[in-house]
Protein backbone atom coordinates (compact mmCIF):
# COMPACT_ATOMS: atom_id res chain seq x y z
CA MET A 1 65.53 -180.77 151.99
CA LEU A 2 68.59 -180.04 149.88
CA GLY A 3 66.45 -179.77 146.74
CA GLN A 4 64.18 -177.21 148.40
CA GLU A 5 67.17 -175.13 149.51
CA ARG A 6 68.58 -175.20 146.00
CA LYS A 7 65.23 -174.19 144.53
CA ARG A 8 64.80 -171.39 147.08
CA LYS A 9 68.31 -170.14 146.32
CA ARG A 10 67.55 -170.21 142.59
CA LEU A 11 64.28 -168.34 142.93
CA THR A 12 65.59 -165.64 145.25
CA LYS A 13 68.35 -164.74 142.81
CA THR A 14 66.06 -164.37 139.79
CA THR A 15 65.22 -160.78 138.94
CA PRO A 16 61.73 -159.70 137.85
CA ARG A 17 63.01 -159.17 134.28
CA GLU A 18 64.60 -162.62 134.27
CA CYS A 19 61.23 -164.05 135.31
CA GLU A 20 59.66 -162.39 132.27
CA VAL A 21 62.41 -163.76 130.05
CA LEU A 22 62.02 -167.22 131.59
CA GLN A 23 58.32 -167.28 130.75
CA LEU A 24 59.12 -166.47 127.12
CA VAL A 25 61.90 -169.06 126.98
CA LEU A 26 59.48 -171.67 128.32
CA LEU A 27 57.07 -170.71 125.53
CA GLY A 28 59.81 -171.42 122.98
CA TYR A 29 60.75 -167.85 122.06
CA THR A 30 64.18 -167.18 120.56
CA ASN A 31 66.44 -164.46 121.91
CA LYS A 32 65.38 -162.25 119.00
CA ASP A 33 61.68 -162.88 119.76
CA ILE A 34 62.26 -162.13 123.46
CA ALA A 35 64.03 -158.88 122.58
CA GLN A 36 61.16 -157.76 120.35
CA GLN A 37 58.51 -158.77 122.89
CA LEU A 38 60.19 -156.94 125.77
CA GLY A 39 61.58 -153.98 123.81
CA ILE A 40 65.21 -154.75 124.60
CA SER A 41 68.24 -155.46 122.43
CA ASP A 42 69.08 -158.94 121.20
CA TYR A 43 72.26 -158.79 123.28
CA THR A 44 70.35 -157.94 126.45
CA ALA A 45 67.94 -160.82 125.82
CA ARG A 46 70.93 -163.12 125.32
CA ASP A 47 72.47 -161.91 128.58
CA HIS A 48 69.23 -162.55 130.50
CA VAL A 49 68.96 -166.07 129.07
CA SER A 50 72.61 -166.75 129.91
CA ALA A 51 72.04 -165.54 133.47
CA LEU A 52 69.03 -167.86 133.79
CA LEU A 53 71.04 -170.84 132.56
CA LYS A 54 73.84 -170.08 135.01
CA LYS A 55 71.52 -169.48 137.99
CA ASN A 56 69.62 -172.68 137.29
CA GLU A 57 72.86 -174.60 136.81
CA VAL A 58 71.92 -175.93 133.37
CA LYS A 59 73.77 -175.89 130.06
CA ASN A 60 71.00 -175.15 127.57
CA ARG A 61 67.37 -174.15 127.06
CA ALA A 62 66.21 -177.76 126.88
CA GLN A 63 67.56 -178.46 130.35
CA LEU A 64 66.05 -175.20 131.63
CA LEU A 65 62.68 -176.21 130.20
CA ALA A 66 62.91 -179.70 131.68
CA LEU A 67 63.83 -178.30 135.08
CA HIS A 68 60.88 -175.93 135.20
CA VAL A 69 58.35 -178.34 133.72
CA ALA A 70 59.34 -180.96 136.30
CA SER A 71 59.14 -178.32 139.03
CA SER A 72 55.68 -177.15 137.97
CA ARG A 73 54.38 -180.73 137.74
CA LYS A 74 55.42 -181.37 141.34
CA LYS A 75 53.45 -178.32 142.46
CA LYS A 76 50.29 -179.42 140.67
CA THR A 77 50.25 -182.99 141.94
CA PRO A 78 46.87 -183.48 143.61
CA THR A 79 46.78 -184.86 147.10
CA PRO A 80 45.17 -188.27 147.32
CA PRO A 81 41.69 -188.35 148.86
CA THR A 82 41.35 -189.44 152.44
CA PHE A 83 39.12 -192.33 153.37
CA ASP A 84 38.49 -191.53 157.02
CA GLY A 85 34.76 -192.14 157.06
CA LEU A 86 34.73 -194.95 154.51
CA TYR A 87 35.41 -197.91 156.81
CA ARG A 88 33.41 -197.05 159.90
């Protein structure tokens, strides 16, 4: 339950622009690439990335990537099939 609360807190604080920046960070873009892609300054891109690191309580992009890859894998885990009618 604590993990879900932490995740909910993290997601509610993320702005729409930070979500765009996060997607680009997860694709491996540099701050300069992000700035060019979104039409913002390099400094603004850096500030968005810094905010994402702080909000996600990680120290670097690698940890941010690991956090979100692990999170997305949990969402996509298929539910095991049920065998209700198999042993009748």
